[in-house]
Amino acid sequence: MTRTQQKLMLQKDQLETQEAGALNGPSAGSAAVKFAKEIERIDREYETVARFHDPLGAALARLAATGRAQSTAESR
């Protein structure tokens, strides 16, 4: 599941929780607010991890692996 899909699913769940909270009264609404804050906290943590992830290093590793696979196939 991609990051975009995960974010969309979290937003959908958050919206459903907020709608359910509005129907069930103020106590459910406060739970929805707490839930929304928790989702925001997790999203910030995920963004931090993604920011410090090394996409260039991962791409180079994939290229190196592909190069090894191609050189092995060519030598046969």
N, C-alpha and C. Protein backbone atom coordinates (compact mmCIF):
# COMPACT_ATOMS: atom_id res chain seq x y z
N MET A 1 0.85 -1.16 0.00
CA MET A 1 0.00 0.00 0.00
C MET A 1 0.90 1.24 0.00
N THR A 2 0.62 2.14 -0.90
CA THR A 2 1.45 3.33 -1.00
C THR A 2 1.12 4.33 0.10
N ARG A 3 1.99 5.29 0.26
CA ARG A 3 1.80 6.31 1.30
C ARG A 3 0.52 7.11 1.04
N THR A 4 0.25 7.38 -0.24
CA THR A 4 -0.96 8.13 -0.58
C THR A 4 -2.20 7.33 -0.21
N GLN A 5 -2.20 6.04 -0.51
CA GLN A 5 -3.34 5.20 -0.16
C GLN A 5 -3.53 5.15 1.35
N GLN A 6 -2.44 5.04 2.09
CA GLN A 6 -2.54 5.01 3.55
C GLN A 6 -3.13 6.30 4.08
N LYS A 7 -2.67 7.41 3.53
CA LYS A 7 -3.16 8.71 3.99
C LYS A 7 -4.64 8.86 3.67
N LEU A 8 -5.06 8.43 2.49
CA LEU A 8 -6.47 8.52 2.12
C LEU A 8 -7.34 7.65 3.03
N MET A 9 -6.84 6.46 3.36
CA MET A 9 -7.60 5.58 4.25
C MET A 9 -7.70 6.19 5.65
N LEU A 10 -6.61 6.79 6.14
CA LEU A 10 -6.66 7.44 7.45
C LEU A 10 -7.63 8.62 7.45
N GLN A 11 -7.63 9.39 6.36
CA GLN A 11 -8.57 10.51 6.28
C GLN A 11 -10.01 10.02 6.24
N LYS A 12 -10.25 8.94 5.51
CA LYS A 12 -11.60 8.37 5.44
C LYS A 12 -12.04 7.89 6.81
N ASP A 13 -11.17 7.17 7.50
CA ASP A 13 -11.49 6.69 8.84
C ASP A 13 -11.74 7.85 9.80
N GLN A 14 -10.95 8.90 9.67
CA GLN A 14 -11.11 10.06 10.53
C GLN A 14 -12.46 10.72 10.27
N LEU A 15 -12.83 10.86 9.01
CA LEU A 15 -14.11 11.48 8.67
C LEU A 15 -15.26 10.64 9.20
N GLU A 16 -15.18 9.32 9.04
CA GLU A 16 -16.23 8.43 9.55
C GLU A 16 -16.33 8.53 11.06
N THR A 17 -15.20 8.63 11.74
CA THR A 17 -15.20 8.76 13.19
C THR A 17 -15.83 10.08 13.62
N GLN A 18 -15.50 11.15 12.91
CA GLN A 18 -16.08 12.45 13.24
C GLN A 18 -17.59 12.46 13.00
N GLU A 19 -18.01 11.83 11.89
CA GLU A 19 -19.45 11.78 11.61
C GLU A 19 -20.17 10.95 12.67
N ALA A 20 -19.58 9.84 13.07
CA ALA A 20 -20.18 9.01 14.10
C ALA A 20 -20.22 9.77 15.42
N GLY A 21 -19.18 10.55 15.71
CA GLY A 21 -19.13 11.35 16.92
C GLY A 21 -20.21 12.41 16.94
N ALA A 22 -20.49 13.00 15.80
CA ALA A 22 -21.53 14.02 15.72
C ALA A 22 -22.90 13.41 15.98
N LEU A 23 -23.09 12.17 15.58
CA LEU A 23 -24.38 11.50 15.78
C LEU A 23 -24.55 11.00 17.21
N ASN A 24 -23.46 10.66 17.88
CA ASN A 24 -23.54 10.04 19.20
C ASN A 24 -23.46 11.01 20.36
N GLY A 25 -23.20 12.26 20.11
CA GLY A 25 -23.18 13.23 21.19
C GLY A 25 -21.80 13.73 21.53
N PRO A 26 -21.71 14.57 22.57
CA PRO A 26 -20.44 15.25 22.88
C PRO A 26 -19.33 14.32 23.35
N SER A 27 -19.64 13.24 24.07
CA SER A 27 -18.56 12.37 24.55
C SER A 27 -17.86 11.67 23.39
N ALA A 28 -18.64 11.27 22.39
CA ALA A 28 -18.04 10.65 21.21
C ALA A 28 -17.26 11.69 20.41
N GLY A 29 -17.72 12.94 20.42
CA GLY A 29 -17.03 14.00 19.70
C GLY A 29 -15.66 14.26 20.28
N SER A 30 -15.56 14.24 21.62
CA SER A 30 -14.25 14.46 22.23
C SER A 30 -13.30 13.30 21.92
N ALA A 31 -13.86 12.10 21.81
CA ALA A 31 -13.03 10.94 21.43
C ALA A 31 -12.54 11.11 20.00
N ALA A 32 -13.39 11.66 19.15
CA ALA A 32 -13.00 11.89 17.75
C ALA A 32 -11.89 12.93 17.68
N VAL A 33 -11.95 13.94 18.52
CA VAL A 33 -10.90 14.96 18.54
C VAL A 33 -9.59 14.34 19.00
N LYS A 34 -9.64 13.52 20.04
CA LYS A 34 -8.43 12.85 20.52
C LYS A 34 -7.87 11.94 19.43
N PHE A 35 -8.76 11.25 18.74
CA PHE A 35 -8.35 10.36 17.65
C PHE A 35 -7.68 11.17 16.54
N ALA A 36 -8.26 12.31 16.19
CA ALA A 36 -7.70 13.15 15.14
C ALA A 36 -6.31 13.65 15.53
N LYS A 37 -6.15 14.04 16.79
CA LYS A 37 -4.84 14.51 17.25
C LYS A 37 -3.81 13.38 17.19
N GLU A 38 -4.23 12.19 17.54
CA GLU A 38 -3.32 11.04 17.49
C GLU A 38 -2.91 10.75 16.05
N ILE A 39 -3.86 10.83 15.12
CA ILE A 39 -3.55 10.61 13.71
C ILE A 39 -2.57 11.67 13.22
N GLU A 40 -2.77 12.92 13.62
CA GLU A 40 -1.85 14.00 13.23
C GLU A 40 -0.45 13.74 13.79
N ARG A 41 -0.36 13.26 15.03
CA ARG A 41 0.94 12.97 15.64
C ARG A 41 1.65 11.86 14.86
N ILE A 42 0.91 10.82 14.54
CA ILE A 42 1.50 9.70 13.80
C ILE A 42 1.94 10.16 12.41
N ASP A 43 1.12 11.01 11.77
CA ASP A 43 1.47 11.53 10.45
C ASP A 43 2.76 12.35 10.51
N ARG A 44 2.92 13.17 11.55
CA ARG A 44 4.16 13.95 11.71
C ARG A 44 5.36 13.02 11.88
N GLU A 45 5.20 11.98 12.66
CA GLU A 45 6.30 11.03 12.86
C GLU A 45 6.66 10.34 11.55
N TYR A 46 5.64 9.96 10.78
CA TYR A 46 5.88 9.29 9.51
C TYR A 46 6.60 10.24 8.54
N GLU A 47 6.18 11.51 8.51
CA GLU A 47 6.84 12.48 7.64
C GLU A 47 8.30 12.65 8.02
N THR A 48 8.60 12.62 9.31
CA THR A 48 9.99 12.73 9.77
C THR A 48 10.81 11.54 9.28
N VAL A 49 10.25 10.35 9.40
CA VAL A 49 10.95 9.15 8.93
C VAL A 49 11.15 9.21 7.43
N ALA A 50 10.11 9.62 6.70
CA ALA A 50 10.22 9.70 5.25
C ALA A 50 11.24 10.76 4.83
N ARG A 51 11.33 11.85 5.57
CA ARG A 51 12.26 12.93 5.24
C ARG A 51 13.70 12.45 5.36
N PHE A 52 13.99 11.65 6.35
CA PHE A 52 15.36 11.21 6.57
C PHE A 52 15.67 9.88 5.89
N HIS A 53 14.73 9.34 5.17
CA HIS A 53 14.94 8.14 4.36
C HIS A 53 15.83 8.53 3.18
N ASP A 54 16.62 7.62 2.71
CA ASP A 54 17.57 7.92 1.64
C ASP A 54 17.06 7.35 0.32
N PRO A 55 16.23 8.09 -0.43
CA PRO A 55 15.69 7.56 -1.68
C PRO A 55 16.77 7.38 -2.75
N LEU A 56 17.77 8.24 -2.75
CA LEU A 56 18.84 8.10 -3.74
C LEU A 56 19.64 6.83 -3.49
N GLY A 57 19.94 6.57 -2.23
CA GLY A 57 20.66 5.33 -1.89
C GLY A 57 19.87 4.09 -2.27
N ALA A 58 18.56 4.14 -2.04
CA ALA A 58 17.71 3.00 -2.40
C ALA A 58 17.68 2.80 -3.91
N ALA A 59 17.63 3.89 -4.67
CA ALA A 59 17.62 3.79 -6.13
C ALA A 59 18.94 3.22 -6.64
N LEU A 60 20.03 3.67 -6.06
CA LEU A 60 21.34 3.14 -6.47
C LEU A 60 21.47 1.66 -6.14
N ALA A 61 20.93 1.26 -5.00
CA ALA A 61 20.97 -0.16 -4.63
C ALA A 61 20.16 -0.99 -5.61
N ARG A 62 19.00 -0.47 -6.03
CA ARG A 62 18.19 -1.20 -7.02
C ARG A 62 18.92 -1.30 -8.34
N LEU A 63 19.58 -0.21 -8.75
CA LEU A 63 20.33 -0.24 -10.00
C LEU A 63 21.48 -1.23 -9.93
N ALA A 64 22.15 -1.26 -8.79
CA ALA A 64 23.26 -2.19 -8.63
C ALA A 64 22.76 -3.63 -8.68
N ALA A 65 21.62 -3.88 -8.07
CA ALA A 65 21.05 -5.24 -8.08
C ALA A 65 20.63 -5.61 -9.50
N THR A 66 20.06 -4.67 -10.23
CA THR A 66 19.65 -4.93 -11.62
C THR A 66 20.88 -5.18 -12.48
N GLY A 67 21.93 -4.43 -12.26
CA GLY A 67 23.17 -4.61 -13.03
C GLY A 67 23.77 -5.98 -12.79
N ARG A 68 23.74 -6.44 -11.55
CA ARG A 68 24.26 -7.78 -11.24
C ARG A 68 23.41 -8.85 -11.90
N ALA A 69 22.09 -8.65 -11.90
CA ALA A 69 21.19 -9.65 -12.51
C ALA A 69 21.41 -9.70 -14.01
N GLN A 70 21.60 -8.53 -14.65
CA GLN A 70 21.82 -8.50 -16.09
C GLN A 70 23.16 -9.08 -16.46
N SER A 71 24.21 -8.78 -15.69
CA SER A 71 25.53 -9.32 -16.01
C SER A 71 25.56 -10.83 -15.84
N THR A 72 24.82 -11.36 -14.89
CA THR A 72 24.75 -12.80 -14.68
C THR A 72 24.03 -13.46 -15.85
N ALA A 73 22.96 -12.83 -16.34
CA ALA A 73 22.20 -13.38 -17.46
C ALA A 73 23.03 -13.33 -18.74
N GLU A 74 23.82 -12.27 -18.91
CA GLU A 74 24.65 -12.14 -20.12
C GLU A 74 25.80 -13.13 -20.15
N SER A 75 26.31 -13.52 -18.99
CA SER A 75 27.44 -14.44 -18.94
C SER A 75 27.03 -15.88 -19.19
N ARG A 76 25.75 -16.16 -19.17
CA ARG A 76 25.28 -17.55 -19.41
C ARG A 76 25.25 -17.90 -20.83
